[in-house]
Amino acid sequence: MRTVSSHRPRVNPDDSKTGATHMSLTDTEFAVLRATISTRGTVRMALLPITILSWAVLAAGVLVLTDTALAVVFPLAVLVAGFEAIHALHVGVERIGRYIQVNYESLPGAPQWESTAMRVGPALPGGGIDPLFTVVLMAATFANLIPIAIVPPPVAQFGVLAALHVLFIIRLVRARGAAARQRAVDLETFKAIKAQAPIPKPPVPEM
């Protein structure tokens, strides 16, 4: 009686585990990065009204309750802090978006949101938005000078206060220009990083 061989090809369990882990990590990273973009974008939008409201309350208090010219530094500090938080969130979101665009959207069948938004964004109505809200913050900065315009301080104090406000306006202008170039710069940077990344060696089959 002939015995039927029950021999099966040996499967290395480590290979399947590695593949499953790799897919799981990739999917998880993509989901986490998209969630991070969504959360940071929402926080950035909420920060503007919070910053402007806090500045307005403090600036009104300075205007009504004190004659000390140097007090305008406090509402200015609120504007600076709010802008730096908004700027950091925006830069981080854009950088994550370019990472997704290079490392995920280049794959067949992958979502193409970042690539599509980068191509058609400027051509859409309202595409030239100000993601850092620099116009609003610049207007608030000029308004912050009203107390020292009503009651001019000594020339030395006026010069110092005016210089602080001008420096912040310069910061706004430079940041706006950098934000307009960031997508293209980050995209090329991530492409260069990906091109230089070493290609992983395939596993050696067991003998």
Protein backbone atom coordinates (compact mmCIF):
# COMPACT_ATOMS: atom_id res chain seq x y z
CA MET A 1 0.00 0.00 0.00
CA ARG A 2 1.48 3.27 -1.07
CA THR A 3 1.80 5.90 1.58
CA VAL A 4 0.79 9.40 0.59
CA SER A 5 3.37 11.89 1.63
CA SER A 6 2.04 14.49 4.00
CA HIS A 7 5.13 16.67 3.68
CA ARG A 8 4.27 20.39 3.36
CA PRO A 9 6.63 23.17 2.34
CA ARG A 10 8.14 24.74 5.43
CA VAL A 11 7.01 28.32 6.05
CA ASN A 12 9.13 30.64 8.09
CA PRO A 13 6.73 32.25 10.59
CA ASP A 14 9.06 35.20 11.00
CA ASP A 15 8.52 36.21 7.36
CA SER A 16 4.74 36.46 7.68
CA LYS A 17 5.03 38.23 11.01
CA THR A 18 7.47 40.72 9.58
CA GLY A 19 5.22 41.42 6.60
CA ALA A 20 2.15 41.84 8.77
CA THR A 21 4.03 44.11 11.16
CA HIS A 22 5.35 46.19 8.30
CA MET A 23 1.88 46.71 6.84
CA SER A 24 0.48 47.47 10.26
CA LEU A 25 3.15 50.06 11.01
CA THR A 26 2.74 51.69 7.62
CA ASP A 27 -1.04 51.92 7.90
CA THR A 28 -0.78 53.20 11.45
CA GLU A 29 1.77 55.84 10.53
CA PHE A 30 -0.37 57.11 7.67
CA ALA A 31 -3.49 57.29 9.86
CA VAL A 32 -1.63 59.04 12.67
CA LEU A 33 -0.06 61.58 10.31
CA ARG A 34 -3.42 62.41 8.72
CA ALA A 35 -4.99 62.77 12.17
CA THR A 36 -2.13 65.05 13.21
CA ILE A 37 -2.71 67.29 10.19
CA SER A 38 -6.41 67.51 11.01
CA THR A 39 -5.87 68.27 14.70
CA ARG A 40 -3.15 70.85 14.16
CA GLY A 41 -5.16 72.56 11.45
CA THR A 42 -8.14 72.89 13.79
CA VAL A 43 -5.99 74.20 16.63
CA ARG A 44 -4.36 76.73 14.29
CA MET A 45 -7.75 78.10 13.27
CA ALA A 46 -8.86 78.33 16.88
CA LEU A 47 -5.70 80.12 17.97
CA LEU A 48 -6.39 83.21 15.86
CA PRO A 49 -9.65 84.30 17.57
CA ILE A 50 -8.17 83.40 20.97
CA THR A 51 -5.10 85.53 20.24
CA ILE A 52 -7.06 88.49 18.90
CA LEU A 53 -9.58 88.39 21.74
CA SER A 54 -6.83 88.20 24.37
CA TRP A 55 -4.95 91.02 22.69
CA ALA A 56 -8.07 93.21 22.43
CA VAL A 57 -8.94 92.80 26.12
CA LEU A 58 -5.39 93.57 27.22
CA ALA A 59 -4.97 96.46 24.78
CA ALA A 60 -8.26 98.02 25.93
CA GLY A 61 -7.10 97.72 29.54
CA VAL A 62 -3.82 99.43 28.69
CA LEU A 63 -5.65 102.22 26.86
CA VAL A 64 -8.18 102.85 29.63
CA LEU A 65 -6.40 101.99 32.86
CA THR A 66 -2.82 103.15 32.48
CA ASP A 67 -0.82 106.02 31.09
CA THR A 68 2.44 104.06 31.07
CA ALA A 69 3.61 103.81 27.50
CA LEU A 70 5.67 100.70 28.16
CA ALA A 71 2.48 98.81 28.98
CA VAL A 72 1.82 98.33 25.25
CA VAL A 73 4.54 95.67 25.35
CA PHE A 74 2.15 93.25 27.07
CA PRO A 75 -0.54 93.14 24.34
CA LEU A 76 2.26 93.02 21.76
CA ALA A 77 3.66 89.98 23.54
CA VAL A 78 0.25 88.28 23.19
CA LEU A 79 0.32 88.87 19.43
CA VAL A 80 3.87 87.55 19.16
CA ALA A 81 3.12 84.42 21.19
CA GLY A 82 -0.07 83.71 19.23
CA PHE A 83 1.68 84.13 15.91
CA GLU A 84 4.61 81.90 16.84
CA ALA A 85 2.22 79.13 17.88
CA ILE A 86 0.24 79.48 14.64
CA HIS A 87 3.44 79.54 12.61
CA ALA A 88 4.84 76.41 14.28
CA LEU A 89 1.60 74.51 13.69
CA HIS A 90 1.45 75.53 10.04
CA VAL A 91 5.07 74.64 9.31
CA GLY A 92 4.64 71.25 10.97
CA VAL A 93 1.44 70.46 9.06
CA GLU A 94 2.99 71.39 5.72
CA ARG A 95 6.08 69.30 6.45
CA ILE A 96 3.98 66.27 7.35
CA GLY A 97 1.96 66.78 4.18
CA ARG A 98 5.09 66.72 2.00
CA TYR A 99 6.30 63.59 3.79
CA ILE A 100 2.99 61.87 3.02
CA GLN A 101 3.13 63.10 -0.57
CA VAL A 102 6.58 61.62 -1.18
CA ASN A 103 6.42 58.41 0.85
CA TYR A 104 2.77 57.38 0.45
CA GLU A 105 1.14 59.10 -2.51
CA SER A 106 3.83 57.80 -4.87
CA LEU A 107 2.51 54.27 -4.30
CA PRO A 108 0.01 52.77 -6.80
CA GLY A 109 -3.60 53.28 -5.76
CA ALA A 110 -2.67 55.55 -2.83
CA PRO A 111 -4.76 58.62 -1.92
CA GLN A 112 -3.66 61.72 -3.81
CA TRP A 113 -4.98 64.56 -1.65
CA GLU A 114 -1.67 66.29 -0.95
CA SER A 115 -0.48 66.05 -4.55
CA THR A 116 -3.81 67.27 -5.91
CA ALA A 117 -4.07 70.15 -3.44
CA MET A 118 -0.54 71.29 -4.28
CA ARG A 119 -1.26 71.28 -8.02
CA VAL A 120 -4.65 73.01 -8.10
CA GLY A 121 -4.63 75.04 -4.87
CA PRO A 122 -3.36 78.37 -6.28
CA ALA A 123 -5.75 78.16 -9.25
CA LEU A 124 -8.87 77.67 -7.14
CA PRO A 125 -11.02 80.65 -6.07
CA GLY A 126 -9.65 81.77 -2.74
CA GLY A 127 -6.47 79.77 -3.32
CA GLY A 128 -4.32 82.70 -2.29
CA ILE A 129 -5.30 82.47 1.38
CA ASP A 130 -3.08 83.67 4.20
CA PRO A 131 -2.49 80.56 6.34
CA LEU A 132 -0.53 82.54 8.96
CA PHE A 133 -3.14 85.32 9.25
CA THR A 134 -0.37 87.89 8.81
CA VAL A 135 -2.69 90.65 7.55
CA VAL A 136 -4.91 90.40 10.64
CA LEU A 137 -1.94 90.29 12.99
CA MET A 138 -0.25 93.19 11.22
CA ALA A 139 -3.38 95.31 11.57
CA ALA A 140 -3.52 94.47 15.29
CA THR A 141 0.15 95.41 15.62
CA PHE A 142 -0.48 98.86 14.15
CA ALA A 143 -3.55 99.27 16.37
CA ASN A 144 -1.39 98.39 19.35
CA LEU A 145 0.47 101.69 18.83
CA ILE A 146 -2.68 103.78 19.43
CA PRO A 147 -1.99 104.39 23.15
CA ILE A 148 1.45 105.87 22.52
CA ALA A 149 0.05 107.91 19.62
CA ILE A 150 -2.58 109.46 21.90
CA VAL A 151 -0.14 110.18 24.74
CA PRO A 152 3.36 110.27 23.21
CA PRO A 153 6.06 109.05 25.61
CA PRO A 154 9.61 110.41 25.74
CA VAL A 155 11.51 110.05 22.50
CA ALA A 156 13.71 107.22 23.80
CA GLN A 157 10.72 105.14 24.93
CA PHE A 158 8.86 105.84 21.72
CA GLY A 159 11.85 104.70 19.67
CA VAL A 160 12.16 101.45 21.61
CA LEU A 161 8.45 100.66 21.40
CA ALA A 162 8.26 101.54 17.71
CA ALA A 163 11.29 99.35 17.01
CA LEU A 164 9.69 96.37 18.77
CA HIS A 165 6.55 96.71 16.69
CA VAL A 166 8.53 97.12 13.45
CA LEU A 167 10.59 94.02 14.25
CA PHE A 168 7.41 91.99 14.69
CA ILE A 169 6.02 93.27 11.39
CA ILE A 170 9.26 92.28 9.66
CA ARG A 171 8.91 88.84 11.25
CA LEU A 172 5.38 88.55 9.84
CA VAL A 173 6.47 89.54 6.34
CA ARG A 174 9.43 87.14 6.31
CA ALA A 175 7.35 84.27 7.66
CA ARG A 176 4.69 84.84 5.03
CA GLY A 177 7.30 84.72 2.28
CA ALA A 178 8.85 81.55 3.70
CA ALA A 179 5.42 79.91 3.97
CA ALA A 180 4.77 80.58 0.29
CA ARG A 181 7.97 78.70 -0.62
CA GLN A 182 7.79 75.95 1.98
CA ARG A 183 5.79 73.36 0.04
CA ALA A 184 8.15 73.32 -2.92
CA VAL A 185 11.26 73.34 -0.71
CA ASP A 186 10.04 70.56 1.59
CA LEU A 187 8.88 68.47 -1.36
CA GLU A 188 12.32 68.56 -2.98
CA THR A 189 13.99 67.89 0.38
CA PHE A 190 11.92 64.76 1.05
CA LYS A 191 12.44 63.55 -2.52
CA ALA A 192 16.21 63.89 -2.06
CA ILE A 193 16.06 62.05 1.26
CA LYS A 194 14.04 59.23 -0.26
CA ALA A 195 16.43 58.96 -3.22
CA GLN A 196 19.41 58.65 -0.85
CA ALA A 197 17.77 56.13 1.47
CA PRO A 198 19.41 52.68 1.33
CA ILE A 199 17.36 49.95 -0.31
CA PRO A 200 16.67 47.14 2.21
CA LYS A 201 18.20 43.80 1.27
CA PRO A 202 15.76 40.89 0.68
CA PRO A 203 15.88 38.17 3.34
CA VAL A 204 18.15 35.23 2.60
CA PRO A 205 16.09 32.02 2.24
CA GLU A 206 16.92 29.25 4.64
CA MET A 207 18.58 26.20 3.20
